[in-house]
Amino acid sequence: MNDSLPGKLYRFDTKLGLIYAPDLTISVEHESGPYVVQTNKQGFRTDRDLYIDASKEKTTLVFGDSYTAEDGVSNGRRFTDLLKKDFSGTEFLNLAISGSSLD
């Protein structure tokens, strides 16, 4: 990762703390090879704006660190994206960010 990448990838939000930069599509170098990070206008790592989908039976919010954010894995291939296929009545919103934790 080059020195300028963190400044491009993250920003500080006064309410949420460290979040991804909004409206971003960037290739990130990783030990397993490059992966693509895409963020929405709200600064979350997803290709769409986040909202509670009333047509879904359940909505699951997923919080965590780089393991949950899945550094090294492109959007669309993260475990929360794969869960959507197995649980069609449930919306999974992955709100994890690298370098953070549940505290």
C-alpha atoms as a PDB file:
ATOM      1  CA  MET A   1       0.000   0.000   0.000  1.00  0.00           C
ATOM      2  CA  ASN A   2       1.474   3.369  -0.915  1.00  0.00           C
ATOM      3  CA  ASP A   3       1.629   6.273   1.523  1.00  0.00           C
ATOM      4  CA  SER A   4      -1.114   8.258  -0.213  1.00  0.00           C
ATOM      5  CA  LEU A   5      -3.664   5.423  -0.230  1.00  0.00           C
ATOM      6  CA  PRO A   6      -5.018   5.860   3.341  1.00  0.00           C
ATOM      7  CA  GLY A   7      -5.771   9.518   2.573  1.00  0.00           C
ATOM      8  CA  LYS A   8      -7.706   8.477  -0.524  1.00  0.00           C
ATOM      9  CA  LEU A   9      -9.467   5.497   1.040  1.00  0.00           C
ATOM     10  CA  TYR A  10     -10.621   6.913   4.388  1.00  0.00           C
ATOM     11  CA  ARG A  11     -11.953  10.123   5.888  1.00  0.00           C
ATOM     12  CA  PHE A  12     -13.009  11.251   9.351  1.00  0.00           C
ATOM     13  CA  ASP A  13     -16.706  11.769  10.037  1.00  0.00           C
ATOM     14  CA  THR A  14     -17.604  13.759  13.163  1.00  0.00           C
ATOM     15  CA  LYS A  15     -20.469  11.371  14.027  1.00  0.00           C
ATOM     16  CA  LEU A  16     -19.135   8.013  12.849  1.00  0.00           C
ATOM     17  CA  GLY A  17     -15.368   8.390  13.169  1.00  0.00           C
ATOM     18  CA  LEU A  18     -13.223   6.775  10.480  1.00  0.00           C
ATOM     19  CA  ILE A  19     -15.211   5.819   7.387  1.00  0.00           C
ATOM     20  CA  TYR A  20     -14.382   5.104   3.777  1.00  0.00           C
ATOM     21  CA  ALA A  21     -14.233   8.091   1.446  1.00  0.00           C
ATOM     22  CA  PRO A  22     -17.553   8.527  -0.380  1.00  0.00           C
ATOM     23  CA  ASP A  23     -18.097   7.813  -4.090  1.00  0.00           C
ATOM     24  CA  LEU A  24     -14.845   5.919  -4.481  1.00  0.00           C
ATOM     25  CA  THR A  25     -13.712   3.165  -6.822  1.00  0.00           C
ATOM     26  CA  ILE A  26     -10.073   2.277  -6.249  1.00  0.00           C
ATOM     27  CA  SER A  27      -7.773  -0.689  -6.758  1.00  0.00           C
ATOM     28  CA  VAL A  28      -5.875  -1.595  -3.584  1.00  0.00           C
ATOM     29  CA  GLU A  29      -2.677  -3.651  -3.561  1.00  0.00           C
ATOM     30  CA  HIS A  30      -2.772  -6.624  -1.196  1.00  0.00           C
ATOM     31  CA  GLU A  31      -0.444  -9.558  -0.469  1.00  0.00           C
ATOM     32  CA  SER A  32      -2.942 -11.855  -2.245  1.00  0.00           C
ATOM     33  CA  GLY A  33      -3.183  -9.471  -5.226  1.00  0.00           C
ATOM     34  CA  PRO A  34      -5.062  -6.265  -5.980  1.00  0.00           C
ATOM     35  CA  TYR A  35      -8.730  -5.899  -5.082  1.00  0.00           C
ATOM     36  CA  VAL A  36     -11.323  -3.225  -5.820  1.00  0.00           C
ATOM     37  CA  VAL A  37     -12.966  -1.084  -3.148  1.00  0.00           C
ATOM     38  CA  GLN A  38     -16.136   0.707  -4.191  1.00  0.00           C
ATOM     39  CA  THR A  39     -17.995   3.027  -1.826  1.00  0.00           C
ATOM     40  CA  ASN A  40     -21.363   4.750  -1.945  1.00  0.00           C
ATOM     41  CA  LYS A  41     -22.098   8.438  -1.345  1.00  0.00           C
ATOM     42  CA  GLN A  42     -22.551   7.709   2.381  1.00  0.00           C
ATOM     43  CA  GLY A  43     -18.982   6.383   2.743  1.00  0.00           C
ATOM     44  CA  PHE A  44     -19.811   2.693   3.139  1.00  0.00           C
ATOM     45  CA  ARG A  45     -18.191  -0.068   1.119  1.00  0.00           C
ATOM     46  CA  THR A  46     -21.051  -0.992  -1.159  1.00  0.00           C
ATOM     47  CA  ASP A  47     -22.134  -0.137  -4.691  1.00  0.00           C
ATOM     48  CA  ARG A  48     -25.473   1.333  -3.563  1.00  0.00           C
ATOM     49  CA  ASP A  49     -26.791   3.754  -0.973  1.00  0.00           C
ATOM     50  CA  LEU A  50     -27.759   2.084   2.288  1.00  0.00           C
ATOM     51  CA  TYR A  51     -31.299   2.081   3.501  1.00  0.00           C
ATOM     52  CA  ILE A  52     -33.525  -0.404   5.276  1.00  0.00           C
ATOM     53  CA  ASP A  53     -35.272  -2.406   2.555  1.00  0.00           C
ATOM     54  CA  ALA A  54     -38.867  -2.783   3.748  1.00  0.00           C
ATOM     55  CA  SER A  55     -39.459  -5.585   1.227  1.00  0.00           C
ATOM     56  CA  LYS A  56     -36.986  -7.814   3.117  1.00  0.00           C
ATOM     57  CA  GLU A  57     -38.141  -9.839   6.103  1.00  0.00           C
ATOM     58  CA  LYS A  58     -34.977  -9.087   8.096  1.00  0.00           C
ATOM     59  CA  THR A  59     -32.051  -6.683   7.968  1.00  0.00           C
ATOM     60  CA  THR A  60     -28.734  -7.745   9.496  1.00  0.00           C
ATOM     61  CA  LEU A  61     -26.106  -5.092  10.260  1.00  0.00           C
ATOM     62  CA  VAL A  62     -22.569  -6.483  10.245  1.00  0.00           C
ATOM     63  CA  PHE A  63     -19.882  -4.544  12.161  1.00  0.00           C
ATOM     64  CA  GLY A  64     -16.217  -5.325  12.593  1.00  0.00           C
ATOM     65  CA  ASP A  65     -12.601  -4.851  11.561  1.00  0.00           C
ATOM     66  CA  SER A  66     -10.564  -5.737   8.470  1.00  0.00           C
ATOM     67  CA  TYR A  67     -11.625  -9.390   8.648  1.00  0.00           C
ATOM     68  CA  THR A  68     -15.281  -8.410   8.423  1.00  0.00           C
ATOM     69  CA  ALA A  69     -14.599  -5.623   5.903  1.00  0.00           C
ATOM     70  CA  GLU A  70     -12.649  -8.308   4.039  1.00  0.00           C
ATOM     71  CA  ASP A  71      -9.474  -6.557   3.045  1.00  0.00           C
ATOM     72  CA  GLY A  72      -8.150  -8.354  -0.014  1.00  0.00           C
ATOM     73  CA  VAL A  73     -11.615  -9.164  -1.365  1.00  0.00           C
ATOM     74  CA  SER A  74     -13.432  -7.089  -3.984  1.00  0.00           C
ATOM     75  CA  ASN A  75     -16.960  -5.825  -3.453  1.00  0.00           C
ATOM     76  CA  GLY A  76     -19.510  -8.418  -4.492  1.00  0.00           C
ATOM     77  CA  ARG A  77     -17.322 -11.307  -3.311  1.00  0.00           C
ATOM     78  CA  ARG A  78     -17.309 -10.582   0.424  1.00  0.00           C
ATOM     79  CA  PHE A  79     -19.037 -13.069   2.717  1.00  0.00           C
ATOM     80  CA  THR A  80     -21.925 -10.711   3.415  1.00  0.00           C
ATOM     81  CA  ASP A  81     -22.579 -10.447  -0.328  1.00  0.00           C
ATOM     82  CA  LEU A  82     -22.511 -14.238  -0.621  1.00  0.00           C
ATOM     83  CA  LEU A  83     -24.920 -14.621   2.311  1.00  0.00           C
ATOM     84  CA  LYS A  84     -27.519 -12.637   0.370  1.00  0.00           C
ATOM     85  CA  LYS A  85     -27.739 -15.521  -2.100  1.00  0.00           C
ATOM     86  CA  ASP A  86     -28.440 -18.087   0.630  1.00  0.00           C
ATOM     87  CA  PHE A  87     -30.825 -15.925   2.669  1.00  0.00           C
ATOM     88  CA  SER A  88     -32.992 -14.222   0.067  1.00  0.00           C
ATOM     89  CA  GLY A  89     -35.387 -12.801   2.683  1.00  0.00           C
ATOM     90  CA  THR A  90     -32.588 -11.061   4.587  1.00  0.00           C
ATOM     91  CA  GLU A  91     -30.708  -7.870   3.760  1.00  0.00           C
ATOM     92  CA  PHE A  92     -27.069  -7.865   4.960  1.00  0.00           C
ATOM     93  CA  LEU A  93     -25.435  -4.450   5.409  1.00  0.00           C
ATOM     94  CA  ASN A  94     -21.672  -4.738   5.922  1.00  0.00           C
ATOM     95  CA  LEU A  95     -20.621  -1.650   7.917  1.00  0.00           C
ATOM     96  CA  ALA A  96     -17.152  -2.921   8.842  1.00  0.00           C
ATOM     97  CA  ILE A  97     -14.026  -0.851   8.315  1.00  0.00           C
ATOM     98  CA  SER A  98     -10.370  -1.788   8.511  1.00  0.00           C
ATOM     99  CA  GLY A  99      -8.564  -0.728  11.657  1.00  0.00           C
ATOM    100  CA  SER A 100     -11.713  -0.560  13.712  1.00  0.00           C
ATOM    101  CA  SER A 101     -13.365  -2.831  16.225  1.00  0.00           C
ATOM    102  CA  LEU A 102     -16.685  -3.222  17.958  1.00  0.00           C
ATOM    103  CA  ASP A 103     -15.655  -1.005  20.856  1.00  0.00           C
END
